[in-house]
């Protein structure tokens, strides 16, 4: 049986994936001719939402690696539900 610790290689993997996806998002946003209209298209919203999800996962994994407690609301998504129900 495995314990609940997070291994360093997994933290590095999550951070590298996050940096890759955010770098790609920033590059495509800056490369478009009309950066202010980037969020008009639904596909761009999907890309932005998956980037925020990847960032949230990387933050949670990093906090768990360093032994910090993570809010249960954040882990279960209740934070997002209460945020969007405003």
PDB file of N, CA and C in Angstrom:
ATOM      1  N   UNK A   1       0.841  -1.179   0.000  1.00  0.00           N
ATOM      2  CA  UNK A   1       0.000   0.000   0.000  1.00  0.00           C
ATOM      3  C   UNK A   1       0.889   1.246   0.000  1.00  0.00           C
ATOM      4  N   UNK A   2       0.548   2.207  -0.837  1.00  0.00           N
ATOM      5  CA  UNK A   2       1.313   3.439  -0.937  1.00  0.00           C
ATOM      6  C   UNK A   2       0.798   4.473   0.053  1.00  0.00           C
ATOM      7  N   UNK A   3       1.696   5.326   0.488  1.00  0.00           N
ATOM      8  CA  UNK A   3       1.265   6.408   1.368  1.00  0.00           C
ATOM      9  C   UNK A   3       0.755   7.580   0.527  1.00  0.00           C
ATOM     10  N   UNK A   4       0.329   8.628   1.201  1.00  0.00           N
ATOM     11  CA  UNK A   4      -0.283   9.768   0.513  1.00  0.00           C
ATOM     12  C   UNK A   4       0.710  10.870   0.160  1.00  0.00           C
ATOM     13  N   UNK A   5       2.000  10.578   0.181  1.00  0.00           N
ATOM     14  CA  UNK A   5       2.979  11.627  -0.110  1.00  0.00           C
ATOM     15  C   UNK A   5       3.049  11.869  -1.625  1.00  0.00           C
ATOM     16  N   UNK A   6       3.411  13.083  -1.971  1.00  0.00           N
ATOM     17  CA  UNK A   6       3.572  13.469  -3.367  1.00  0.00           C
ATOM     18  C   UNK A   6       5.063  13.442  -3.667  1.00  0.00           C
ATOM     19  N   UNK A   7       5.432  12.783  -4.730  1.00  0.00           N
ATOM     20  CA  UNK A   7       6.841  12.642  -5.085  1.00  0.00           C
ATOM     21  C   UNK A   7       7.326  13.860  -5.877  1.00  0.00           C
ATOM     22  N   UNK A   8       8.617  14.126  -5.786  1.00  0.00           N
ATOM     23  CA  UNK A   8       9.205  15.294  -6.424  1.00  0.00           C
ATOM     24  C   UNK A   8       9.039  15.255  -7.944  1.00  0.00           C
ATOM     25  N   UNK A   9       9.198  14.090  -8.558  1.00  0.00           N
ATOM     26  CA  UNK A   9       9.083  14.014 -10.012  1.00  0.00           C
ATOM     27  C   UNK A   9       7.686  14.419 -10.474  1.00  0.00           C
ATOM     28  N   UNK A  10       6.662  14.127  -9.669  1.00  0.00           N
ATOM     29  CA  UNK A  10       5.293  14.493 -10.050  1.00  0.00           C
ATOM     30  C   UNK A  10       5.099  16.003  -9.939  1.00  0.00           C
ATOM     31  N   UNK A  11       5.690  16.612  -8.921  1.00  0.00           N
ATOM     32  CA  UNK A  11       5.609  18.071  -8.776  1.00  0.00           C
ATOM     33  C   UNK A  11       6.295  18.741  -9.962  1.00  0.00           C
ATOM     34  N   UNK A  12       7.476  18.247 -10.319  1.00  0.00           N
ATOM     35  CA  UNK A  12       8.188  18.813 -11.465  1.00  0.00           C
ATOM     36  C   UNK A  12       7.400  18.634 -12.756  1.00  0.00           C
ATOM     37  N   UNK A  13       6.784  17.478 -12.930  1.00  0.00           N
ATOM     38  CA  UNK A  13       5.952  17.228 -14.100  1.00  0.00           C
ATOM     39  C   UNK A  13       4.801  18.226 -14.172  1.00  0.00           C
ATOM     40  N   UNK A  14       4.092  18.436 -13.046  1.00  0.00           N
ATOM     41  CA  UNK A  14       2.957  19.361 -13.032  1.00  0.00           C
ATOM     42  C   UNK A  14       3.406  20.797 -13.314  1.00  0.00           C
ATOM     43  N   UNK A  15       4.553  21.176 -12.764  1.00  0.00           N
ATOM     44  CA  UNK A  15       5.053  22.536 -12.986  1.00  0.00           C
ATOM     45  C   UNK A  15       5.468  22.719 -14.441  1.00  0.00           C
ATOM     46  N   UNK A  16       6.132  21.733 -15.023  1.00  0.00           N
ATOM     47  CA  UNK A  16       6.546  21.834 -16.429  1.00  0.00           C
ATOM     48  C   UNK A  16       5.342  21.873 -17.372  1.00  0.00           C
ATOM     49  N   UNK A  17       4.341  21.052 -17.113  1.00  0.00           N
ATOM     50  CA  UNK A  17       3.132  21.065 -17.945  1.00  0.00           C
ATOM     51  C   UNK A  17       2.432  22.414 -17.825  1.00  0.00           C
ATOM     52  N   UNK A  18       2.373  22.941 -16.606  1.00  0.00           N
ATOM     53  CA  UNK A  18       1.743  24.242 -16.391  1.00  0.00           C
ATOM     54  C   UNK A  18       2.492  25.337 -17.139  1.00  0.00           C
ATOM     55  N   UNK A  19       3.804  25.339 -17.044  1.00  0.00           N
ATOM     56  CA  UNK A  19       4.592  26.351 -17.748  1.00  0.00           C
ATOM     57  C   UNK A  19       4.426  26.242 -19.257  1.00  0.00           C
ATOM     58  N   UNK A  20       4.375  25.020 -19.770  1.00  0.00           N
ATOM     59  CA  UNK A  20       4.181  24.825 -21.209  1.00  0.00           C
ATOM     60  C   UNK A  20       2.830  25.364 -21.666  1.00  0.00           C
ATOM     61  N   UNK A  21       1.758  24.988 -20.965  1.00  0.00           N
ATOM     62  CA  UNK A  21       0.431  25.414 -21.381  1.00  0.00           C
ATOM     63  C   UNK A  21       0.243  26.920 -21.222  1.00  0.00           C
ATOM     64  N   UNK A  22       0.738  27.496 -20.112  1.00  0.00           N
ATOM     65  CA  UNK A  22       0.606  28.938 -19.919  1.00  0.00           C
ATOM     66  C   UNK A  22       1.468  29.706 -20.913  1.00  0.00           C
ATOM     67  N   UNK A  23       2.646  29.185 -21.224  1.00  0.00           N
ATOM     68  CA  UNK A  23       3.484  29.819 -22.242  1.00  0.00           C
ATOM     69  C   UNK A  23       2.810  29.813 -23.602  1.00  0.00           C
ATOM     70  N   UNK A  24       2.169  28.699 -23.921  1.00  0.00           N
ATOM     71  CA  UNK A  24       1.437  28.605 -25.181  1.00  0.00           C
ATOM     72  C   UNK A  24       0.262  29.579 -25.213  1.00  0.00           C
ATOM     73  N   UNK A  25      -0.453  29.676 -24.102  1.00  0.00           N
ATOM     74  CA  UNK A  25      -1.591  30.601 -24.037  1.00  0.00           C
ATOM     75  C   UNK A  25      -1.127  32.044 -24.188  1.00  0.00           C
ATOM     76  N   UNK A  26      -0.099  32.417 -23.481  1.00  0.00           N
ATOM     77  CA  UNK A  26       0.397  33.794 -23.553  1.00  0.00           C
ATOM     78  C   UNK A  26       0.933  34.098 -24.948  1.00  0.00           C
ATOM     79  N   UNK A  27       1.629  33.133 -25.541  1.00  0.00           N
ATOM     80  CA  UNK A  27       2.155  33.343 -26.888  1.00  0.00           C
ATOM     81  C   UNK A  27       1.031  33.538 -27.903  1.00  0.00           C
ATOM     82  N   UNK A  28       0.009  32.677 -27.857  1.00  0.00           N
ATOM     83  CA  UNK A  28      -1.078  32.808 -28.833  1.00  0.00           C
ATOM     84  C   UNK A  28      -1.893  34.075 -28.588  1.00  0.00           C
ATOM     85  N   UNK A  29      -2.037  34.465 -27.330  1.00  0.00           N
ATOM     86  CA  UNK A  29      -2.778  35.685 -27.025  1.00  0.00           C
ATOM     87  C   UNK A  29      -2.010  36.915 -27.534  1.00  0.00           C
ATOM     88  N   UNK A  30      -0.716  36.927 -27.341  1.00  0.00           N
ATOM     89  CA  UNK A  30       0.091  38.062 -27.774  1.00  0.00           C
ATOM     90  C   UNK A  30       0.299  38.062 -29.282  1.00  0.00           C
ATOM     91  N   UNK A  31       0.264  36.879 -29.899  1.00  0.00           N
ATOM     92  CA  UNK A  31       0.526  36.766 -31.330  1.00  0.00           C
ATOM     93  C   UNK A  31      -0.676  37.154 -32.184  1.00  0.00           C
ATOM     94  N   UNK A  32      -1.878  37.117 -31.619  1.00  0.00           N
ATOM     95  CA  UNK A  32      -3.056  37.473 -32.404  1.00  0.00           C
ATOM     96  C   UNK A  32      -3.045  38.965 -32.705  1.00  0.00           C
ATOM     97  N   UNK A  33      -3.635  39.313 -33.833  1.00  0.00           N
ATOM     98  CA  UNK A  33      -3.678  40.721 -34.234  1.00  0.00           C
ATOM     99  C   UNK A  33      -4.580  41.541 -33.324  1.00  0.00           C
ATOM    100  N   UNK A  34      -5.645  40.925 -32.838  1.00  0.00           N
ATOM    101  CA  UNK A  34      -6.581  41.646 -31.967  1.00  0.00           C
ATOM    102  C   UNK A  34      -6.639  40.941 -30.616  1.00  0.00           C
ATOM    103  N   UNK A  35      -5.650  41.187 -29.781  1.00  0.00           N
ATOM    104  CA  UNK A  35      -5.557  40.542 -28.482  1.00  0.00           C
ATOM    105  C   UNK A  35      -6.716  40.871 -27.568  1.00  0.00           C
ATOM    106  N   UNK A  36      -7.315  42.050 -27.749  1.00  0.00           N
ATOM    107  CA  UNK A  36      -8.448  42.430 -26.903  1.00  0.00           C
ATOM    108  C   UNK A  36      -9.690  41.610 -27.223  1.00  0.00           C
ATOM    109  N   UNK A  37      -9.763  41.024 -28.401  1.00  0.00           N
ATOM    110  CA  UNK A  37     -10.922  40.214 -28.796  1.00  0.00           C
ATOM    111  C   UNK A  37     -10.656  38.714 -28.654  1.00  0.00           C
ATOM    112  N   UNK A  38      -9.583  38.343 -27.960  1.00  0.00           N
ATOM    113  CA  UNK A  38      -9.179  36.941 -27.864  1.00  0.00           C
ATOM    114  C   UNK A  38     -10.250  36.079 -27.209  1.00  0.00           C
ATOM    115  N   UNK A  39     -10.948  36.592 -26.211  1.00  0.00           N
ATOM    116  CA  UNK A  39     -11.923  35.786 -25.465  1.00  0.00           C
ATOM    117  C   UNK A  39     -13.302  35.755 -26.098  1.00  0.00           C
ATOM    118  N   UNK A  40     -13.450  36.257 -27.305  1.00  0.00           N
ATOM    119  CA  UNK A  40     -14.750  36.225 -27.972  1.00  0.00           C
ATOM    120  C   UNK A  40     -15.112  34.805 -28.392  1.00  0.00           C
ATOM    121  N   UNK A  41     -14.159  34.044 -28.869  1.00  0.00           N
ATOM    122  CA  UNK A  41     -14.438  32.713 -29.395  1.00  0.00           C
ATOM    123  C   UNK A  41     -14.508  31.678 -28.271  1.00  0.00           C
ATOM    124  N   UNK A  42     -15.450  30.759 -28.370  1.00  0.00           N
ATOM    125  CA  UNK A  42     -15.656  29.748 -27.334  1.00  0.00           C
ATOM    126  C   UNK A  42     -14.451  28.824 -27.202  1.00  0.00           C
ATOM    127  N   UNK A  43     -13.748  28.544 -28.294  1.00  0.00           N
ATOM    128  CA  UNK A  43     -12.568  27.679 -28.195  1.00  0.00           C
ATOM    129  C   UNK A  43     -11.488  28.329 -27.341  1.00  0.00           C
ATOM    130  N   UNK A  44     -11.361  29.637 -27.419  1.00  0.00           N
ATOM    131  CA  UNK A  44     -10.379  30.327 -26.587  1.00  0.00           C
ATOM    132  C   UNK A  44     -10.794  30.286 -25.116  1.00  0.00           C
ATOM    133  N   UNK A  45     -12.083  30.329 -24.832  1.00  0.00           N
ATOM    134  CA  UNK A  45     -12.553  30.197 -23.456  1.00  0.00           C
ATOM    135  C   UNK A  45     -12.194  28.816 -22.920  1.00  0.00           C
ATOM    136  N   UNK A  46     -12.356  27.795 -23.746  1.00  0.00           N
ATOM    137  CA  UNK A  46     -12.000  26.441 -23.333  1.00  0.00           C
ATOM    138  C   UNK A  46     -10.524  26.314 -23.027  1.00  0.00           C
ATOM    139  N   UNK A  47      -9.702  26.920 -23.866  1.00  0.00           N
ATOM    140  CA  UNK A  47      -8.264  26.882 -23.634  1.00  0.00           C
ATOM    141  C   UNK A  47      -7.916  27.609 -22.340  1.00  0.00           C
ATOM    142  N   UNK A  48      -8.538  28.753 -22.098  1.00  0.00           N
ATOM    143  CA  UNK A  48      -8.276  29.508 -20.860  1.00  0.00           C
ATOM    144  C   UNK A  48      -8.721  28.719 -19.636  1.00  0.00           C
ATOM    145  N   UNK A  49      -9.883  28.085 -19.703  1.00  0.00           N
ATOM    146  CA  UNK A  49     -10.372  27.320 -18.556  1.00  0.00           C
ATOM    147  C   UNK A  49      -9.490  26.112 -18.259  1.00  0.00           C
ATOM    148  N   UNK A  50      -9.023  25.429 -19.285  1.00  0.00           N
ATOM    149  CA  UNK A  50      -8.151  24.287 -19.022  1.00  0.00           C
ATOM    150  C   UNK A  50      -6.812  24.752 -18.458  1.00  0.00           C
ATOM    151  N   UNK A  51      -6.351  25.943 -18.859  1.00  0.00           N
ATOM    152  CA  UNK A  51      -5.117  26.479 -18.288  1.00  0.00           C
ATOM    153  C   UNK A  51      -5.293  26.825 -16.820  1.00  0.00           C
ATOM    154  N   UNK A  52      -6.436  27.384 -16.447  1.00  0.00           N
ATOM    155  CA  UNK A  52      -6.676  27.668 -15.034  1.00  0.00           C
ATOM    156  C   UNK A  52      -6.789  26.377 -14.225  1.00  0.00           C
ATOM    157  N   UNK A  53      -7.368  25.343 -14.817  1.00  0.00           N
ATOM    158  CA  UNK A  53      -7.462  24.055 -14.143  1.00  0.00           C
ATOM    159  C   UNK A  53      -6.075  23.451 -13.929  1.00  0.00           C
ATOM    160  N   UNK A  54      -5.240  23.501 -14.948  1.00  0.00           N
ATOM    161  CA  UNK A  54      -3.889  22.969 -14.842  1.00  0.00           C
ATOM    162  C   UNK A  54      -3.093  23.744 -13.797  1.00  0.00           C
ATOM    163  N   UNK A  55      -3.271  25.064 -13.757  1.00  0.00           N
ATOM    164  CA  UNK A  55      -2.587  25.880 -12.754  1.00  0.00           C
ATOM    165  C   UNK A  55      -3.054  25.524 -11.344  1.00  0.00           C
ATOM    166  N   UNK A  56      -4.355  25.342 -11.174  1.00  0.00           N
ATOM    167  CA  UNK A  56      -4.892  24.973  -9.866  1.00  0.00           C
ATOM    168  C   UNK A  56      -4.358  23.618  -9.415  1.00  0.00           C
ATOM    169  N   UNK A  57      -4.300  22.656 -10.333  1.00  0.00           N
ATOM    170  CA  UNK A  57      -3.754  21.342  -9.996  1.00  0.00           C
ATOM    171  C   UNK A  57      -2.289  21.444  -9.581  1.00  0.00           C
ATOM    172  N   UNK A  58      -1.511  22.241 -10.294  1.00  0.00           N
ATOM    173  CA  UNK A  58      -0.093  22.389  -9.963  1.00  0.00           C
ATOM    174  C   UNK A  58       0.082  23.043  -8.596  1.00  0.00           C
ATOM    175  N   UNK A  59      -0.749  24.020  -8.284  1.00  0.00           N
ATOM    176  CA  UNK A  59      -0.664  24.682  -6.977  1.00  0.00           C
ATOM    177  C   UNK A  59      -1.005  23.693  -5.864  1.00  0.00           C
ATOM    178  N   UNK A  60      -2.057  22.923  -6.054  1.00  0.00           N
ATOM    179  CA  UNK A  60      -2.463  21.951  -5.030  1.00  0.00           C
ATOM    180  C   UNK A  60      -1.376  20.898  -4.820  1.00  0.00           C
ATOM    181  N   UNK A  61      -0.819  20.358  -5.911  1.00  0.00           N
ATOM    182  CA  UNK A  61       0.217  19.335  -5.796  1.00  0.00           C
ATOM    183  C   UNK A  61       1.462  19.903  -5.113  1.00  0.00           C
ATOM    184  N   UNK A  62       1.825  21.132  -5.449  1.00  0.00           N
ATOM    185  CA  UNK A  62       2.993  21.759  -4.827  1.00  0.00           C
ATOM    186  C   UNK A  62       2.767  21.980  -3.334  1.00  0.00           C
ATOM    187  N   UNK A  63       1.579  22.451  -2.966  1.00  0.00           N
ATOM    188  CA  UNK A  63       1.273  22.648  -1.548  1.00  0.00           C
ATOM    189  C   UNK A  63       1.314  21.319  -0.787  1.00  0.00           C
ATOM    190  N   UNK A  64       0.773  20.278  -1.385  1.00  0.00           N
ATOM    191  CA  UNK A  64       0.790  18.975  -0.738  1.00  0.00           C
ATOM    192  C   UNK A  64       2.216  18.434  -0.612  1.00  0.00           C
ATOM    193  N   UNK A  65       3.053  18.703  -1.597  1.00  0.00           N
ATOM    194  CA  UNK A  65       4.441  18.244  -1.541  1.00  0.00           C
ATOM    195  C   UNK A  65       5.180  18.882  -0.365  1.00  0.00           C
ATOM    196  N   UNK A  66       4.929  20.153  -0.133  1.00  0.00           N
ATOM    197  CA  UNK A  66       5.599  20.854   0.963  1.00  0.00           C
ATOM    198  C   UNK A  66       4.910  20.646   2.308  1.00  0.00           C
ATOM    199  N   UNK A  67       3.894  19.821   2.334  1.00  0.00           N
ATOM    200  CA  UNK A  67       3.252  19.459   3.589  1.00  0.00           C
ATOM    201  C   UNK A  67       2.260  20.478   4.107  1.00  0.00           C
ATOM    202  N   UNK A  68       1.862  21.419   3.283  1.00  0.00           N
ATOM    203  CA  UNK A  68       0.889  22.408   3.702  1.00  0.00           C
ATOM    204  C   UNK A  68      -0.518  21.851   3.513  1.00  0.00           C
ATOM    205  N   UNK A  69      -1.420  22.268   4.344  1.00  0.00           N
ATOM    206  CA  UNK A  69      -2.791  21.795   4.218  1.00  0.00           C
ATOM    207  C   UNK A  69      -3.504  22.591   3.131  1.00  0.00           C
ATOM    208  N   UNK A  70      -4.327  21.896   2.416  1.00  0.00           N
ATOM    209  CA  UNK A  70      -5.103  22.509   1.343  1.00  0.00           C
ATOM    210  C   UNK A  70      -6.559  22.490   1.773  1.00  0.00           C
ATOM    211  N   UNK A  71      -7.228  23.593   1.575  1.00  0.00           N
ATOM    212  CA  UNK A  71      -8.623  23.710   1.967  1.00  0.00           C
ATOM    213  C   UNK A  71      -9.468  22.635   1.284  1.00  0.00           C
ATOM    214  N   UNK A  72     -10.353  22.037   2.046  1.00  0.00           N
ATOM    215  CA  UNK A  72     -11.231  21.017   1.472  1.00  0.00           C
ATOM    216  C   UNK A  72     -12.171  21.624   0.437  1.00  0.00           C
ATOM    217  N   UNK A  73     -12.550  22.881   0.625  1.00  0.00           N
ATOM    218  CA  UNK A  73     -13.393  23.559  -0.362  1.00  0.00           C
ATOM    219  C   UNK A  73     -12.669  23.656  -1.703  1.00  0.00           C
ATOM    220  N   UNK A  74     -11.385  23.927  -1.656  1.00  0.00           N
ATOM    221  CA  UNK A  74     -10.601  24.028  -2.875  1.00  0.00           C
ATOM    222  C   UNK A  74     -10.457  22.665  -3.548  1.00  0.00           C
ATOM    223  N   UNK A  75     -10.261  21.626  -2.760  1.00  0.00           N
ATOM    224  CA  UNK A  75     -10.061  20.286  -3.302  1.00  0.00           C
ATOM    225  C   UNK A  75     -11.339  19.713  -3.916  1.00  0.00           C
ATOM    226  N   UNK A  76     -12.492  20.024  -3.354  1.00  0.00           N
ATOM    227  CA  UNK A  76     -13.743  19.461  -3.849  1.00  0.00           C
ATOM    228  C   UNK A  76     -14.436  20.341  -4.872  1.00  0.00           C
ATOM    229  N   UNK A  77     -13.944  21.548  -5.069  1.00  0.00           N
ATOM    230  CA  UNK A  77     -14.557  22.430  -6.041  1.00  0.00           C
ATOM    231  C   UNK A  77     -15.670  23.283  -5.473  1.00  0.00           C
ATOM    232  N   UNK A  78     -15.911  23.216  -4.168  1.00  0.00           N
ATOM    233  CA  UNK A  78     -16.958  24.040  -3.575  1.00  0.00           C
ATOM    234  C   UNK A  78     -16.623  25.517  -3.687  1.00  0.00           C
ATOM    235  N   UNK A  79     -15.330  25.839  -3.674  1.00  0.00           N
ATOM    236  CA  UNK A  79     -14.911  27.227  -3.808  1.00  0.00           C
ATOM    237  C   UNK A  79     -15.371  27.792  -5.154  1.00  0.00           C
ATOM    238  N   UNK A  80     -15.175  27.021  -6.207  1.00  0.00           N
ATOM    239  CA  UNK A  80     -15.571  27.472  -7.540  1.00  0.00           C
ATOM    240  C   UNK A  80     -17.087  27.570  -7.654  1.00  0.00           C
ATOM    241  N   UNK A  81     -17.789  26.619  -7.053  1.00  0.00           N
ATOM    242  CA  UNK A  81     -19.251  26.665  -7.105  1.00  0.00           C
ATOM    243  C   UNK A  81     -19.786  27.894  -6.397  1.00  0.00           C
ATOM    244  N   UNK A  82     -19.228  28.242  -5.242  1.00  0.00           N
ATOM    245  CA  UNK A  82     -19.695  29.424  -4.528  1.00  0.00           C
ATOM    246  C   UNK A  82     -19.274  30.691  -5.245  1.00  0.00           C
ATOM    247  N   UNK A  83     -18.133  30.656  -5.932  1.00  0.00           N
ATOM    248  CA  UNK A  83     -17.657  31.830  -6.668  1.00  0.00           C
ATOM    249  C   UNK A  83     -18.550  32.119  -7.866  1.00  0.00           C
ATOM    250  N   UNK A  84     -18.944  31.076  -8.592  1.00  0.00           N
ATOM    251  CA  UNK A  84     -19.738  31.269  -9.796  1.00  0.00           C
ATOM    252  C   UNK A  84     -21.221  31.456  -9.516  1.00  0.00           C
ATOM    253  N   UNK A  85     -21.669  31.194  -8.291  1.00  0.00           N
ATOM    254  CA  UNK A  85     -23.084  31.354  -7.986  1.00  0.00           C
ATOM    255  C   UNK A  85     -23.410  32.762  -7.508  1.00  0.00           C
ATOM    256  N   UNK A  86     -22.403  33.649  -7.501  1.00  0.00           N
ATOM    257  CA  UNK A  86     -22.627  35.023  -7.061  1.00  0.00           C
ATOM    258  C   UNK A  86     -23.535  35.703  -7.987  1.00  0.00           C
TER     259      UNK A  86
END
